[in-house]
Amino acid sequence: MVTGRPSVDFAAGGVPDPGALDVRWIHGSPSAKHNADPDIQVHRYDEHTFILRQNMAVNYEAPFLFLLFGNARAVLIDTGATASAEFFPLRRTVDELVAGWLARHPRDEYGLLVLHTHPHGDHIAGDAQFTDRPATTVVGADLATAWEYFGFGEDPDAVARVDLGGRVLESFATPGHHEAAVTFYDPWTGFLLTGDTVYPGRLYIQDRAAFARSIDRLIEFSGSRPVTHVLGCHIEMTRQPGVDYPIRTTYQPDEPPLQMTTRHLHEIRAALAEVGDRPGRHAFPDFILCPRT
């Protein structure tokens, strides 16, 4: 129930405008002892959309998380690479953001939903910080749990709707990097949230055929929706085409932007065709394909 203010009309405005994402993301420090950046960077994309990044000084994976607000509940997509609330205060950060949003948009009741792009440890480590949070549902990222929640077990090609209260996300299975990988589309912002399937970095491919099908599906899906930004969960490339930072790097001062475009989906598909069934590491200007041997 809404009190004090009307519900936000998330259907207003039609096609979303691509908002600015010219962000200096926290990218570690030459000396962890002198790192003055916060453990979690919070970027306010708009009044109802926040992008969070974990500090490399806390964990070299430095994943991105997404907090989206609807009229009835918010959703947190992924929970980062560190379990300890002392070193990675995700629950406190989310609680503060929710409290601030509710101060501006009062509700009698408001929930939080925790979902995931896939179940690798750097995307689920903070789950336990939310298990005892009131009015909160944490959906496990493992294949059985996630597929049951989204309904993909009965129909792996389904597009599931996640209603936050007027703000309805579309989600669909995109296996290949991981068998339980999920992509989310937010019509309000035009974000296509691709997890570790597509991002400016090393695209680790566990199942080539499934990964190719998923890229094809992303291309087809984005061809019928207005996509403003393709947002994955990491930055691993440098600004030098085809050159990435070494694994376990904790200082990346020359990062490219997080956001990619639908053009990159076509480039990845063409790169897959070029690489064929060759395993190993294959560098392209904005990403690196790493098919399993």
Protein backbone atom coordinates (compact mmCIF):
# COMPACT_ATOMS: atom_id res chain seq x y z
CA MET A 1 0.00 0.00 0.00
CA VAL A 2 1.25 3.49 -0.88
CA THR A 3 0.99 6.30 1.64
CA GLY A 4 1.70 9.95 1.12
CA ARG A 5 2.70 9.76 -2.54
CA PRO A 6 1.25 8.14 -5.67
CA SER A 7 2.72 5.03 -7.18
CA VAL A 8 5.54 5.50 -9.67
CA ASP A 9 4.32 4.98 -13.23
CA PHE A 10 7.09 2.79 -14.62
CA ALA A 11 5.24 2.49 -17.93
CA ALA A 12 5.39 6.25 -18.52
CA GLY A 13 7.65 7.66 -21.17
CA GLY A 14 7.58 4.70 -23.57
CA VAL A 15 11.03 3.99 -24.97
CA PRO A 16 13.73 4.55 -22.32
CA ASP A 17 16.41 7.15 -22.93
CA PRO A 18 19.97 5.88 -22.54
CA GLY A 19 21.13 7.56 -19.35
CA ALA A 20 24.73 8.61 -18.84
CA LEU A 21 27.14 6.00 -17.54
CA ASP A 22 30.32 8.05 -17.64
CA VAL A 23 31.42 6.70 -14.27
CA ARG A 24 34.84 6.45 -12.71
CA TRP A 25 34.40 3.06 -11.11
CA ILE A 26 36.54 2.20 -8.12
CA HIS A 27 39.31 0.02 -9.51
CA GLY A 28 41.60 -0.85 -6.61
CA SER A 29 44.81 0.80 -5.55
CA PRO A 30 48.55 0.26 -6.01
CA SER A 31 48.62 -0.24 -2.24
CA ALA A 32 45.70 -1.89 -0.46
CA LYS A 33 46.88 -0.29 2.78
CA HIS A 34 46.24 3.16 1.35
CA ASN A 35 43.05 2.47 -0.55
CA ALA A 36 40.66 5.28 0.37
CA ASP A 37 37.82 4.03 -1.82
CA PRO A 38 34.71 2.58 -0.14
CA ASP A 39 34.21 -1.18 0.10
CA ILE A 40 31.17 -0.74 -2.14
CA GLN A 41 30.70 2.00 -4.71
CA VAL A 42 27.11 3.12 -5.24
CA HIS A 43 26.16 4.79 -8.51
CA ARG A 44 22.69 6.31 -8.78
CA TYR A 45 21.67 5.78 -12.39
CA ASP A 46 18.26 7.29 -11.73
CA GLU A 47 15.88 7.70 -8.80
CA HIS A 48 14.89 4.03 -8.91
CA THR A 49 18.05 2.33 -10.21
CA PHE A 50 21.43 1.81 -8.54
CA ILE A 51 24.59 0.08 -9.73
CA LEU A 52 26.99 -1.18 -7.06
CA ARG A 53 30.59 -2.28 -7.46
CA GLN A 54 32.68 -4.20 -4.97
CA ASN A 55 36.13 -2.76 -4.34
CA MET A 56 39.05 -4.75 -5.74
CA ALA A 57 40.85 -4.19 -2.47
CA VAL A 58 38.18 -6.41 -0.89
CA ASN A 59 38.11 -9.01 -3.68
CA TYR A 60 39.91 -8.97 -7.03
CA GLU A 61 36.74 -10.10 -8.84
CA ALA A 62 35.22 -6.64 -8.19
CA PRO A 63 31.75 -7.67 -9.40
CA PHE A 64 28.92 -5.30 -10.21
CA LEU A 65 25.50 -5.68 -8.55
CA PHE A 66 22.19 -4.09 -9.46
CA LEU A 67 19.47 -2.73 -7.16
CA LEU A 68 16.17 -1.87 -8.88
CA PHE A 69 13.14 -0.37 -7.13
CA GLY A 70 9.50 -1.01 -7.96
CA ASN A 71 6.32 0.08 -6.19
CA ALA A 72 5.98 -3.11 -4.12
CA ARG A 73 9.54 -4.32 -3.72
CA ALA A 74 13.10 -3.91 -4.84
CA VAL A 75 15.32 -6.55 -6.41
CA LEU A 76 19.02 -7.02 -5.75
CA ILE A 77 20.68 -8.92 -8.58
CA ASP A 78 23.77 -10.78 -7.26
CA THR A 79 25.39 -10.38 -3.85
CA GLY A 80 29.10 -10.10 -4.58
CA ALA A 81 32.26 -12.03 -3.86
CA THR A 82 32.69 -11.67 -0.09
CA ALA A 83 30.56 -13.20 2.65
CA SER A 84 31.77 -11.12 5.60
CA ALA A 85 29.61 -8.09 6.38
CA GLU A 86 32.61 -6.59 8.15
CA PHE A 87 34.68 -6.44 4.98
CA PHE A 88 31.79 -6.20 2.54
CA PRO A 89 28.82 -4.40 4.16
CA LEU A 90 26.32 -5.20 1.43
CA ARG A 91 23.30 -5.61 3.71
CA ARG A 92 23.97 -2.29 5.40
CA THR A 93 24.45 -0.54 2.04
CA VAL A 94 21.24 -1.98 0.60
CA ASP A 95 19.30 -1.18 3.79
CA GLU A 96 20.46 2.44 3.59
CA LEU A 97 19.45 2.71 -0.06
CA VAL A 98 16.05 1.15 0.63
CA ALA A 99 15.48 3.43 3.62
CA GLY A 100 16.37 6.47 1.52
CA TRP A 101 14.05 5.42 -1.29
CA LEU A 102 11.19 4.77 1.14
CA ALA A 103 11.72 8.18 2.74
CA ARG A 104 11.06 9.70 -0.67
CA HIS A 105 8.35 7.20 -1.67
CA PRO A 106 6.58 6.11 1.54
CA ARG A 107 4.95 2.67 1.70
CA ASP A 108 3.34 0.78 4.55
CA GLU A 109 5.04 -2.42 3.41
CA TYR A 110 7.99 -3.00 1.13
CA GLY A 111 9.86 -6.17 0.19
CA LEU A 112 13.26 -7.12 -1.14
CA LEU A 113 13.90 -9.90 -3.63
CA VAL A 114 17.41 -11.29 -4.12
CA LEU A 115 18.10 -12.94 -7.48
CA HIS A 116 21.28 -13.94 -9.31
CA THR A 117 22.80 -14.05 -12.77
CA HIS A 118 24.44 -17.43 -11.97
CA PRO A 119 25.77 -19.37 -8.97
CA HIS A 120 29.53 -18.78 -9.15
CA GLY A 121 30.94 -17.76 -5.78
CA ASP A 122 31.70 -14.15 -6.73
CA HIS A 123 27.98 -13.59 -7.36
CA ILE A 124 26.40 -15.31 -4.36
CA ALA A 125 28.86 -14.88 -1.46
CA GLY A 126 26.78 -12.19 0.26
CA ASP A 127 23.51 -14.15 0.27
CA ALA A 128 23.73 -15.01 3.96
CA GLN A 129 23.66 -11.30 4.86
CA PHE A 130 20.00 -11.27 3.75
CA THR A 131 18.65 -14.58 5.06
CA ASP A 132 17.31 -13.02 8.27
CA ARG A 133 16.24 -9.72 6.72
CA PRO A 134 12.49 -9.05 7.21
CA ALA A 135 10.24 -9.06 4.14
CA THR A 136 13.05 -10.53 2.05
CA THR A 137 13.10 -13.48 -0.34
CA VAL A 138 16.48 -14.92 -1.35
CA VAL A 139 16.16 -17.21 -4.36
CA GLY A 140 19.03 -19.67 -4.65
CA ALA A 141 21.13 -19.42 -7.79
CA ASP A 142 21.60 -23.16 -8.29
CA LEU A 143 19.97 -24.71 -11.33
CA ALA A 144 17.16 -26.54 -9.54
CA THR A 145 16.12 -23.63 -7.33
CA ALA A 146 16.42 -20.86 -9.89
CA TRP A 147 14.75 -22.86 -12.66
CA GLU A 148 11.81 -23.68 -10.41
CA TYR A 149 11.40 -20.01 -9.46
CA PHE A 150 11.51 -18.76 -13.04
CA GLY A 151 9.64 -21.70 -14.53
CA PHE A 152 12.48 -22.66 -16.85
CA GLY A 153 12.34 -26.28 -15.76
CA GLU A 154 9.03 -26.69 -17.53
CA ASP A 155 9.97 -24.46 -20.45
CA PRO A 156 13.69 -23.60 -20.87
CA ASP A 157 12.78 -21.09 -23.59
CA ALA A 158 10.31 -19.18 -21.43
CA VAL A 159 10.61 -15.47 -20.71
CA ALA A 160 9.71 -15.08 -17.04
CA ARG A 161 8.26 -11.86 -15.67
CA VAL A 162 9.44 -10.54 -12.31
CA ASP A 163 6.98 -7.89 -11.14
CA LEU A 164 8.41 -5.40 -8.64
CA GLY A 165 5.15 -3.46 -8.60
CA GLY A 166 4.62 -1.75 -11.94
CA ARG A 167 8.25 -2.33 -12.90
CA VAL A 168 8.28 -5.73 -14.59
CA LEU A 169 11.59 -7.35 -15.47
CA GLU A 170 11.88 -10.01 -18.15
CA SER A 171 14.28 -12.87 -17.46
CA PHE A 172 15.39 -15.82 -19.53
CA ALA A 173 17.91 -18.63 -19.41
CA THR A 174 21.28 -18.00 -21.09
CA PRO A 175 23.44 -21.06 -20.34
CA GLY A 176 26.93 -21.52 -21.71
CA HIS A 177 29.11 -19.73 -19.18
CA HIS A 178 27.18 -21.67 -16.53
CA GLU A 179 24.26 -24.02 -16.96
CA ALA A 180 22.11 -21.88 -14.62
CA ALA A 181 22.95 -18.47 -16.13
CA VAL A 182 20.07 -15.97 -16.36
CA THR A 183 19.79 -12.65 -18.20
CA PHE A 184 17.48 -9.87 -17.01
CA TYR A 185 15.90 -7.09 -19.07
CA ASP A 186 14.50 -3.96 -17.41
CA PRO A 187 12.10 -2.02 -19.66
CA TRP A 188 12.28 1.06 -17.39
CA THR A 189 16.00 1.67 -18.06
CA GLY A 190 16.51 -0.49 -21.12
CA PHE A 191 19.25 -2.39 -19.27
CA LEU A 192 20.11 -5.87 -20.52
CA LEU A 193 21.85 -7.46 -17.53
CA THR A 194 23.98 -10.29 -18.88
CA GLY A 195 25.99 -11.45 -15.86
CA ASP A 196 29.17 -13.22 -16.97
CA THR A 197 27.77 -14.11 -20.41
CA VAL A 198 28.66 -10.74 -21.95
CA TYR A 199 30.99 -8.15 -20.42
CA PRO A 200 34.26 -6.38 -21.30
CA GLY A 201 36.58 -9.19 -20.28
CA ARG A 202 37.30 -12.89 -20.50
CA LEU A 203 34.19 -14.77 -21.56
CA TYR A 204 34.66 -18.24 -20.07
CA ILE A 205 32.64 -20.73 -22.08
CA GLN A 206 31.86 -24.06 -20.44
CA ASP A 207 29.44 -25.26 -23.14
CA ARG A 208 30.14 -23.88 -26.63
CA ALA A 209 26.85 -24.92 -28.23
CA ALA A 210 24.76 -23.57 -25.35
CA PHE A 211 26.77 -20.33 -25.29
CA ALA A 212 26.26 -19.78 -29.03
CA ARG A 213 22.52 -20.40 -28.65
CA SER A 214 22.41 -17.93 -25.78
CA ILE A 215 24.16 -15.24 -27.81
CA ASP A 216 21.71 -15.88 -30.63
CA ARG A 217 18.87 -15.52 -28.17
CA LEU A 218 20.29 -12.28 -26.79
CA ILE A 219 20.51 -10.91 -30.33
CA GLU A 220 16.95 -11.96 -31.13
CA PHE A 221 15.58 -10.66 -27.82
CA SER A 222 17.31 -7.28 -28.07
CA GLY A 223 16.05 -6.92 -31.62
CA SER A 224 12.50 -6.57 -30.30
CA ARG A 225 13.22 -4.41 -27.21
CA PRO A 226 14.82 -1.01 -26.77
CA VAL A 227 18.16 -1.85 -25.16
CA THR A 228 20.11 1.16 -23.90
CA HIS A 229 23.05 -0.60 -22.25
CA VAL A 230 24.32 -4.17 -22.13
CA LEU A 231 25.70 -4.54 -18.61
CA GLY A 232 27.69 -7.51 -17.40
CA CYS A 233 29.18 -8.03 -13.95
CA HIS A 234 32.92 -7.41 -14.45
CA ILE A 235 35.49 -5.25 -16.22
CA GLU A 236 38.68 -7.13 -17.12
CA MET A 237 39.83 -5.39 -20.30
CA THR A 238 42.15 -2.42 -20.56
CA ARG A 239 41.52 0.46 -22.95
CA GLN A 240 44.08 -1.09 -25.30
CA PRO A 241 42.13 -3.23 -27.79
CA GLY A 242 42.48 -6.94 -27.12
CA VAL A 243 44.50 -6.51 -23.93
CA ASP A 244 43.12 -7.55 -20.55
CA TYR A 245 44.38 -7.24 -17.00
CA PRO A 246 45.94 -10.43 -15.63
CA ILE A 247 43.77 -12.68 -13.48
CA ARG A 248 43.78 -11.65 -9.80
CA THR A 249 44.74 -8.07 -10.66
CA THR A 250 43.73 -5.72 -7.82
CA TYR A 251 44.51 -2.42 -9.54
CA GLN A 252 43.00 -1.51 -12.90
CA PRO A 253 43.52 2.22 -13.55
CA ASP A 254 42.91 2.00 -17.31
CA GLU A 255 39.51 0.30 -17.43
CA PRO A 256 37.11 0.74 -20.36
CA PRO A 257 33.44 1.47 -19.60
CA LEU A 258 31.28 -1.26 -18.10
CA GLN A 259 28.51 -0.72 -20.63
CA MET A 260 28.50 -2.51 -23.94
CA THR A 261 26.00 -2.35 -26.80
CA THR A 262 23.91 -4.73 -28.85
CA ARG A 263 26.59 -4.37 -31.53
CA HIS A 264 28.90 -6.32 -29.23
CA LEU A 265 26.44 -9.21 -29.22
CA HIS A 266 26.86 -9.51 -32.98
CA GLU A 267 30.64 -9.20 -32.64
CA ILE A 268 30.71 -12.02 -30.08
CA ARG A 269 28.61 -14.21 -32.37
CA ALA A 270 30.95 -13.55 -35.29
CA ALA A 271 33.95 -14.26 -33.06
CA LEU A 272 32.44 -17.59 -32.03
CA ALA A 273 32.11 -18.55 -35.67
CA GLU A 274 35.70 -17.49 -36.34
CA VAL A 275 37.09 -19.45 -33.39
CA GLY A 276 35.06 -22.56 -34.19
CA ASP A 277 35.94 -25.54 -32.03
CA ARG A 278 39.42 -24.32 -31.09
CA PRO A 279 39.93 -24.17 -27.31
CA GLY A 280 42.11 -21.68 -25.49
CA ARG A 281 42.23 -17.89 -25.45
CA HIS A 282 41.13 -15.78 -28.40
CA ALA A 283 41.48 -12.01 -28.05
CA PHE A 284 39.20 -9.53 -29.80
CA PRO A 285 39.19 -5.75 -29.32
CA ASP A 286 36.53 -5.54 -26.55
CA PHE A 287 36.47 -9.08 -25.13
CA ILE A 288 38.34 -12.37 -25.04
CA LEU A 289 36.74 -15.71 -25.80
CA CYS A 290 37.92 -18.51 -23.54
CA PRO A 291 36.24 -21.73 -24.65
CA ARG A 292 36.79 -24.76 -22.47
CA THR A 293 39.33 -27.28 -23.67
